[in-house]
Amino acid sequence: MDKTRDITIEIAKCTLADIFDIRKEEFDRPLTRKKRVVEARRFLIFYLVDELGMRFNHIPSKMKSITSHATAMHHFYKMIDLIEIETATKIKYLNFKNQMADKGMSNLETELNKQIKMKKVITWNIKQLKEMIDEA
């Protein structure tokens, strides 16, 4: 589960970096207070808590620029306020969420295809073993 969550977080960082026209590394640079970077961080924190169910005290381990759970809480509740009063922010967040859902389905399909191929290989190996046993 943690590996899947970490991959999702990396995909979210990349997606938000594209949306806000920043570098992915900006999520971990603590001294940057550029509006685009702060907004992208806020979107990510909101996504981590609201969609992935992450606890506030776990966020600093995933984002080096967030030094405490209190900072994560501030961004989360600020995002709630912004979504309620700014239609543009709400639309931007929903677009981000939709992009994440599309990418998640793509990753799910890839994983499913890997498992199907693995099942075929295992089935073929079992068949070969049975034939070897029958011959002996």
N, C-alpha and C. Protein backbone atom coordinates (compact mmCIF):
# COMPACT_ATOMS: atom_id res chain seq x y z
N MET A 1 0.83 -1.20 0.00
CA MET A 1 0.00 0.00 0.00
C MET A 1 0.86 1.25 0.00
N ASP A 2 1.94 1.27 0.80
CA ASP A 2 2.80 2.45 0.85
C ASP A 2 3.46 2.72 -0.48
N LYS A 3 3.87 1.65 -1.17
CA LYS A 3 4.51 1.82 -2.47
C LYS A 3 3.53 2.43 -3.47
N THR A 4 2.31 1.94 -3.47
CA THR A 4 1.28 2.48 -4.35
C THR A 4 0.99 3.93 -4.00
N ARG A 5 0.92 4.23 -2.73
CA ARG A 5 0.66 5.60 -2.28
C ARG A 5 1.81 6.52 -2.70
N ASP A 6 3.05 6.05 -2.55
CA ASP A 6 4.21 6.85 -2.94
C ASP A 6 4.20 7.14 -4.44
N ILE A 7 3.83 6.14 -5.22
CA ILE A 7 3.75 6.34 -6.68
C ILE A 7 2.66 7.35 -7.00
N THR A 8 1.52 7.25 -6.33
CA THR A 8 0.43 8.19 -6.54
C THR A 8 0.86 9.61 -6.19
N ILE A 9 1.61 9.75 -5.10
CA ILE A 9 2.09 11.07 -4.69
C ILE A 9 3.03 11.65 -5.75
N GLU A 10 3.92 10.82 -6.28
CA GLU A 10 4.84 11.29 -7.32
C GLU A 10 4.08 11.69 -8.58
N ILE A 11 3.07 10.91 -8.94
CA ILE A 11 2.25 11.26 -10.11
C ILE A 11 1.52 12.58 -9.85
N ALA A 12 1.00 12.76 -8.64
CA ALA A 12 0.31 14.00 -8.29
C ALA A 12 1.26 15.19 -8.37
N LYS A 13 2.48 15.02 -7.87
CA LYS A 13 3.47 16.11 -7.93
C LYS A 13 3.76 16.49 -9.38
N CYS A 14 3.95 15.49 -10.22
CA CYS A 14 4.24 15.75 -11.64
C CYS A 14 3.06 16.44 -12.33
N THR A 15 1.87 15.96 -12.03
CA THR A 15 0.66 16.54 -12.62
C THR A 15 0.50 17.99 -12.20
N LEU A 16 0.66 18.25 -10.91
CA LEU A 16 0.54 19.62 -10.41
C LEU A 16 1.66 20.51 -10.93
N ALA A 17 2.84 19.96 -11.08
CA ALA A 17 3.95 20.74 -11.64
C ALA A 17 3.60 21.20 -13.06
N ASP A 18 2.98 20.32 -13.83
CA ASP A 18 2.54 20.70 -15.18
C ASP A 18 1.44 21.76 -15.12
N ILE A 19 0.47 21.56 -14.26
CA ILE A 19 -0.67 22.49 -14.16
C ILE A 19 -0.19 23.89 -13.76
N PHE A 20 0.71 23.96 -12.78
CA PHE A 20 1.15 25.25 -12.25
C PHE A 20 2.44 25.76 -12.88
N ASP A 21 2.94 25.02 -13.86
CA ASP A 21 4.15 25.41 -14.58
C ASP A 21 5.33 25.66 -13.63
N ILE A 22 5.58 24.66 -12.80
CA ILE A 22 6.72 24.69 -11.87
C ILE A 22 7.50 23.39 -12.03
N ARG A 23 8.66 23.33 -11.41
CA ARG A 23 9.43 22.08 -11.41
C ARG A 23 8.96 21.21 -10.24
N LYS A 24 8.98 19.92 -10.43
CA LYS A 24 8.54 18.99 -9.38
C LYS A 24 9.32 19.17 -8.08
N GLU A 25 10.57 19.54 -8.20
CA GLU A 25 11.43 19.73 -7.03
C GLU A 25 10.95 20.86 -6.12
N GLU A 26 10.14 21.75 -6.66
CA GLU A 26 9.64 22.90 -5.87
C GLU A 26 8.79 22.45 -4.67
N PHE A 27 8.24 21.26 -4.73
CA PHE A 27 7.43 20.77 -3.61
C PHE A 27 8.27 20.55 -2.36
N ASP A 28 9.57 20.37 -2.55
CA ASP A 28 10.45 20.08 -1.42
C ASP A 28 11.39 21.23 -1.06
N ARG A 29 11.27 22.36 -1.72
CA ARG A 29 12.13 23.52 -1.42
C ARG A 29 11.41 24.44 -0.44
N PRO A 30 11.83 24.45 0.81
CA PRO A 30 11.09 25.16 1.86
C PRO A 30 11.09 26.68 1.76
N LEU A 31 12.09 27.29 1.17
CA LEU A 31 12.16 28.74 1.20
C LEU A 31 11.40 29.42 0.07
N THR A 32 10.86 28.65 -0.84
CA THR A 32 10.12 29.22 -1.97
C THR A 32 8.71 29.60 -1.53
N ARG A 33 8.38 30.87 -1.79
CA ARG A 33 7.03 31.33 -1.46
C ARG A 33 6.32 31.91 -2.67
N LYS A 34 6.76 31.48 -3.83
CA LYS A 34 6.10 31.93 -5.06
C LYS A 34 4.66 31.45 -5.03
N LYS A 35 3.76 32.29 -5.52
CA LYS A 35 2.33 31.97 -5.46
C LYS A 35 2.01 30.64 -6.14
N ARG A 36 2.58 30.41 -7.32
CA ARG A 36 2.29 29.15 -8.05
C ARG A 36 2.74 27.93 -7.25
N VAL A 37 3.90 28.05 -6.60
CA VAL A 37 4.44 26.93 -5.82
C VAL A 37 3.58 26.68 -4.59
N VAL A 38 3.21 27.74 -3.89
CA VAL A 38 2.37 27.61 -2.69
C VAL A 38 1.02 27.02 -3.06
N GLU A 39 0.45 27.47 -4.17
CA GLU A 39 -0.83 26.93 -4.62
C GLU A 39 -0.72 25.44 -4.95
N ALA A 40 0.33 25.06 -5.64
CA ALA A 40 0.53 23.66 -6.01
C ALA A 40 0.68 22.80 -4.76
N ARG A 41 1.44 23.30 -3.79
CA ARG A 41 1.60 22.57 -2.52
C ARG A 41 0.24 22.40 -1.83
N ARG A 42 -0.52 23.48 -1.83
CA ARG A 42 -1.84 23.45 -1.18
C ARG A 42 -2.74 22.41 -1.85
N PHE A 43 -2.74 22.37 -3.18
CA PHE A 43 -3.52 21.38 -3.90
C PHE A 43 -3.08 19.97 -3.51
N LEU A 44 -1.76 19.77 -3.45
CA LEU A 44 -1.24 18.45 -3.12
C LEU A 44 -1.64 18.04 -1.71
N ILE A 45 -1.48 18.92 -0.76
CA ILE A 45 -1.85 18.60 0.63
C ILE A 45 -3.33 18.26 0.71
N PHE A 46 -4.16 19.06 0.07
CA PHE A 46 -5.60 18.80 0.09
C PHE A 46 -5.89 17.43 -0.51
N TYR A 47 -5.23 17.11 -1.62
CA TYR A 47 -5.43 15.82 -2.28
C TYR A 47 -4.98 14.67 -1.37
N LEU A 48 -3.83 14.83 -0.74
CA LEU A 48 -3.31 13.78 0.14
C LEU A 48 -4.27 13.47 1.28
N VAL A 49 -4.83 14.51 1.86
CA VAL A 49 -5.73 14.31 3.00
C VAL A 49 -7.12 13.87 2.53
N ASP A 50 -7.67 14.61 1.57
CA ASP A 50 -9.06 14.38 1.16
C ASP A 50 -9.24 13.11 0.33
N GLU A 51 -8.32 12.86 -0.58
CA GLU A 51 -8.48 11.71 -1.49
C GLU A 51 -7.75 10.46 -1.01
N LEU A 52 -6.54 10.64 -0.48
CA LEU A 52 -5.75 9.47 -0.07
C LEU A 52 -5.90 9.15 1.41
N GLY A 53 -6.59 10.02 2.16
CA GLY A 53 -6.83 9.76 3.58
C GLY A 53 -5.58 9.85 4.45
N MET A 54 -4.59 10.60 3.99
CA MET A 54 -3.35 10.72 4.75
C MET A 54 -3.56 11.61 5.97
N ARG A 55 -2.92 11.26 7.06
CA ARG A 55 -3.00 12.07 8.28
C ARG A 55 -2.05 13.26 8.16
N PHE A 56 -2.42 14.35 8.81
CA PHE A 56 -1.62 15.57 8.75
C PHE A 56 -0.18 15.34 9.20
N ASN A 57 0.00 14.52 10.23
CA ASN A 57 1.36 14.32 10.75
C ASN A 57 2.24 13.48 9.83
N HIS A 58 1.68 12.86 8.79
CA HIS A 58 2.48 12.09 7.84
C HIS A 58 2.91 12.92 6.63
N ILE A 59 2.28 14.05 6.43
CA ILE A 59 2.56 14.87 5.25
C ILE A 59 4.00 15.40 5.22
N PRO A 60 4.57 15.87 6.35
CA PRO A 60 5.96 16.35 6.28
C PRO A 60 6.96 15.30 5.78
N SER A 61 6.68 14.03 5.95
CA SER A 61 7.60 13.01 5.46
C SER A 61 7.51 12.85 3.93
N LYS A 62 6.43 13.31 3.34
CA LYS A 62 6.24 13.23 1.89
C LYS A 62 6.56 14.54 1.17
N MET A 63 6.60 15.63 1.93
CA MET A 63 6.90 16.95 1.37
C MET A 63 7.87 17.66 2.31
N LYS A 64 9.10 17.77 1.88
CA LYS A 64 10.14 18.35 2.74
C LYS A 64 9.89 19.82 3.07
N SER A 65 9.13 20.51 2.23
CA SER A 65 8.86 21.93 2.46
C SER A 65 7.82 22.15 3.57
N ILE A 66 7.09 21.11 3.91
CA ILE A 66 6.09 21.19 4.98
C ILE A 66 6.77 20.65 6.23
N THR A 67 7.00 21.54 7.21
CA THR A 67 7.82 21.16 8.35
C THR A 67 7.03 20.63 9.54
N SER A 68 5.72 20.82 9.54
CA SER A 68 4.93 20.31 10.66
C SER A 68 3.51 20.00 10.22
N HIS A 69 2.83 19.26 11.07
CA HIS A 69 1.43 18.93 10.77
C HIS A 69 0.57 20.19 10.78
N ALA A 70 0.96 21.19 11.57
CA ALA A 70 0.19 22.44 11.66
C ALA A 70 0.20 23.18 10.31
N THR A 71 1.33 23.16 9.64
CA THR A 71 1.41 23.79 8.32
C THR A 71 0.50 23.05 7.34
N ALA A 72 0.53 21.73 7.40
CA ALA A 72 -0.34 20.93 6.53
C ALA A 72 -1.81 21.24 6.81
N MET A 73 -2.16 21.35 8.07
CA MET A 73 -3.55 21.66 8.44
C MET A 73 -3.94 23.04 7.92
N HIS A 74 -3.03 24.00 8.05
CA HIS A 74 -3.32 25.36 7.56
C HIS A 74 -3.65 25.32 6.08
N HIS A 75 -2.81 24.64 5.28
CA HIS A 75 -3.04 24.58 3.84
C HIS A 75 -4.33 23.83 3.51
N PHE A 76 -4.61 22.77 4.22
CA PHE A 76 -5.82 21.99 3.98
C PHE A 76 -7.07 22.85 4.20
N TYR A 77 -7.14 23.51 5.34
CA TYR A 77 -8.34 24.31 5.65
C TYR A 77 -8.42 25.57 4.79
N LYS A 78 -7.29 26.11 4.40
CA LYS A 78 -7.28 27.24 3.47
C LYS A 78 -7.85 26.80 2.13
N MET A 79 -7.50 25.60 1.70
CA MET A 79 -8.00 25.07 0.43
C MET A 79 -9.52 24.88 0.48
N ILE A 80 -10.01 24.40 1.61
CA ILE A 80 -11.47 24.26 1.76
C ILE A 80 -12.14 25.61 1.56
N ASP A 81 -11.61 26.64 2.19
CA ASP A 81 -12.16 27.99 2.05
C ASP A 81 -12.10 28.46 0.59
N LEU A 82 -10.97 28.24 -0.06
CA LEU A 82 -10.81 28.69 -1.45
C LEU A 82 -11.77 27.98 -2.39
N ILE A 83 -11.94 26.70 -2.18
CA ILE A 83 -12.86 25.93 -3.04
C ILE A 83 -14.30 26.44 -2.88
N GLU A 84 -14.65 26.83 -1.66
CA GLU A 84 -16.01 27.32 -1.41
C GLU A 84 -16.26 28.69 -2.02
N ILE A 85 -15.25 29.56 -2.04
CA ILE A 85 -15.51 30.94 -2.48
C ILE A 85 -14.96 31.27 -3.87
N GLU A 86 -14.03 30.49 -4.38
CA GLU A 86 -13.44 30.76 -5.70
C GLU A 86 -13.77 29.64 -6.68
N THR A 87 -14.64 29.95 -7.60
CA THR A 87 -15.04 28.96 -8.60
C THR A 87 -13.84 28.49 -9.42
N ALA A 88 -12.94 29.41 -9.75
CA ALA A 88 -11.77 29.05 -10.56
C ALA A 88 -10.90 28.02 -9.84
N THR A 89 -10.71 28.20 -8.54
CA THR A 89 -9.91 27.24 -7.77
C THR A 89 -10.61 25.89 -7.73
N LYS A 90 -11.92 25.91 -7.54
CA LYS A 90 -12.68 24.66 -7.50
C LYS A 90 -12.57 23.91 -8.83
N ILE A 91 -12.72 24.63 -9.93
CA ILE A 91 -12.63 24.01 -11.25
C ILE A 91 -11.22 23.47 -11.49
N LYS A 92 -10.21 24.25 -11.11
CA LYS A 92 -8.82 23.83 -11.28
C LYS A 92 -8.54 22.55 -10.48
N TYR A 93 -9.06 22.49 -9.25
CA TYR A 93 -8.86 21.30 -8.43
C TYR A 93 -9.59 20.09 -9.02
N LEU A 94 -10.81 20.30 -9.47
CA LEU A 94 -11.57 19.18 -10.06
C LEU A 94 -10.88 18.67 -11.33
N ASN A 95 -10.32 19.57 -12.12
CA ASN A 95 -9.56 19.15 -13.31
C ASN A 95 -8.35 18.32 -12.91
N PHE A 96 -7.66 18.77 -11.87
CA PHE A 96 -6.51 18.01 -11.36
C PHE A 96 -6.95 16.62 -10.90
N LYS A 97 -8.04 16.58 -10.14
CA LYS A 97 -8.55 15.30 -9.64
C LYS A 97 -8.91 14.36 -10.79
N ASN A 98 -9.53 14.91 -11.83
CA ASN A 98 -9.89 14.10 -13.00
C ASN A 98 -8.65 13.57 -13.71
N GLN A 99 -7.62 14.41 -13.81
CA GLN A 99 -6.38 13.95 -14.42
C GLN A 99 -5.77 12.81 -13.60
N MET A 100 -5.82 12.94 -12.30
CA MET A 100 -5.29 11.89 -11.42
C MET A 100 -6.09 10.60 -11.57
N ALA A 101 -7.40 10.73 -11.70
CA ALA A 101 -8.24 9.54 -11.88
C ALA A 101 -7.90 8.85 -13.19
N ASP A 102 -7.72 9.63 -14.26
CA ASP A 102 -7.35 9.05 -15.55
C ASP A 102 -6.01 8.34 -15.47
N LYS A 103 -5.03 8.98 -14.82
CA LYS A 103 -3.71 8.37 -14.70
C LYS A 103 -3.77 7.14 -13.80
N GLY A 104 -4.61 7.20 -12.79
CA GLY A 104 -4.77 6.05 -11.89
C GLY A 104 -5.35 4.86 -12.63
N MET A 105 -6.31 5.11 -13.50
CA MET A 105 -6.89 4.02 -14.28
C MET A 105 -5.85 3.45 -15.23
N SER A 106 -5.04 4.32 -15.79
CA SER A 106 -3.98 3.86 -16.68
C SER A 106 -3.00 2.96 -15.93
N ASN A 107 -2.61 3.39 -14.73
CA ASN A 107 -1.70 2.58 -13.91
C ASN A 107 -2.35 1.26 -13.51
N LEU A 108 -3.64 1.31 -13.21
CA LEU A 108 -4.37 0.10 -12.83
C LEU A 108 -4.42 -0.88 -14.00
N GLU A 109 -4.68 -0.36 -15.19
CA GLU A 109 -4.70 -1.22 -16.37
C GLU A 109 -3.33 -1.86 -16.62
N THR A 110 -2.27 -1.08 -16.46
CA THR A 110 -0.92 -1.59 -16.65
C THR A 110 -0.64 -2.71 -15.65
N GLU A 111 -0.98 -2.49 -14.40
CA GLU A 111 -0.77 -3.49 -13.36
C GLU A 111 -1.59 -4.75 -13.65
N LEU A 112 -2.82 -4.57 -14.07
CA LEU A 112 -3.69 -5.71 -14.39
C LEU A 112 -3.10 -6.52 -15.55
N ASN A 113 -2.61 -5.83 -16.57
CA ASN A 113 -1.98 -6.53 -17.70
C ASN A 113 -0.75 -7.31 -17.27
N LYS A 114 0.06 -6.73 -16.36
CA LYS A 114 1.22 -7.44 -15.84
C LYS A 114 0.79 -8.72 -15.13
N GLN A 115 -0.26 -8.61 -14.32
CA GLN A 115 -0.73 -9.78 -13.57
C GLN A 115 -1.31 -10.85 -14.50
N ILE A 116 -1.98 -10.43 -15.56
CA ILE A 116 -2.52 -11.39 -16.52
C ILE A 116 -1.37 -12.14 -17.21
N LYS A 117 -0.34 -11.40 -17.60
CA LYS A 117 0.83 -12.04 -18.24
C LYS A 117 1.49 -13.01 -17.26
N MET A 118 1.62 -12.59 -16.01
CA MET A 118 2.24 -13.44 -15.00
C MET A 118 1.42 -14.71 -14.81
N LYS A 119 0.12 -14.59 -14.80
CA LYS A 119 -0.75 -15.76 -14.65
C LYS A 119 -0.56 -16.73 -15.81
N LYS A 120 -0.43 -16.19 -17.02
CA LYS A 120 -0.21 -17.05 -18.18
C LYS A 120 1.11 -17.81 -18.06
N VAL A 121 2.16 -17.11 -17.63
CA VAL A 121 3.47 -17.75 -17.46
C VAL A 121 3.40 -18.84 -16.40
N ILE A 122 2.76 -18.54 -15.29
CA ILE A 122 2.63 -19.52 -14.21
C ILE A 122 1.82 -20.73 -14.67
N THR A 123 0.73 -20.49 -15.37
CA THR A 123 -0.09 -21.58 -15.88
C THR A 123 0.71 -22.45 -16.84
N TRP A 124 1.49 -21.83 -17.72
CA TRP A 124 2.33 -22.58 -18.66
C TRP A 124 3.38 -23.40 -17.90
N ASN A 125 4.00 -22.80 -16.87
CA ASN A 125 4.99 -23.52 -16.07
C ASN A 125 4.37 -24.71 -15.35
N ILE A 126 3.18 -24.54 -14.81
CA ILE A 126 2.49 -25.65 -14.13
C ILE A 126 2.20 -26.77 -15.13
N LYS A 127 1.77 -26.39 -16.32
CA LYS A 127 1.48 -27.38 -17.37
C LYS A 127 2.76 -28.17 -17.71
N GLN A 128 3.88 -27.48 -17.83
CA GLN A 128 5.16 -28.13 -18.14
C GLN A 128 5.55 -29.09 -17.02
N LEU A 129 5.37 -28.66 -15.77
CA LEU A 129 5.70 -29.52 -14.63
C LEU A 129 4.83 -30.78 -14.61
N LYS A 130 3.54 -30.61 -14.89
CA LYS A 130 2.64 -31.76 -14.92
C LYS A 130 3.07 -32.75 -16.00
N GLU A 131 3.47 -32.24 -17.16
CA GLU A 131 3.91 -33.10 -18.25
C GLU A 131 5.18 -33.85 -17.85
N MET A 132 6.08 -33.17 -17.13
CA MET A 132 7.32 -33.82 -16.68
C MET A 132 6.99 -34.91 -15.68
N ILE A 133 6.05 -34.67 -14.79
CA ILE A 133 5.66 -35.66 -13.79
C ILE A 133 5.02 -36.86 -14.47
N ASP A 134 4.14 -36.62 -15.47
CA ASP A 134 3.48 -37.70 -16.17
C ASP A 134 4.47 -38.59 -16.93
N GLU A 135 5.55 -37.97 -17.46
CA GLU A 135 6.55 -38.71 -18.21
C GLU A 135 7.41 -39.59 -17.30
N ALA A 136 7.56 -39.18 -16.06
CA ALA A 136 8.45 -39.92 -15.15
C ALA A 136 7.84 -41.17 -14.60
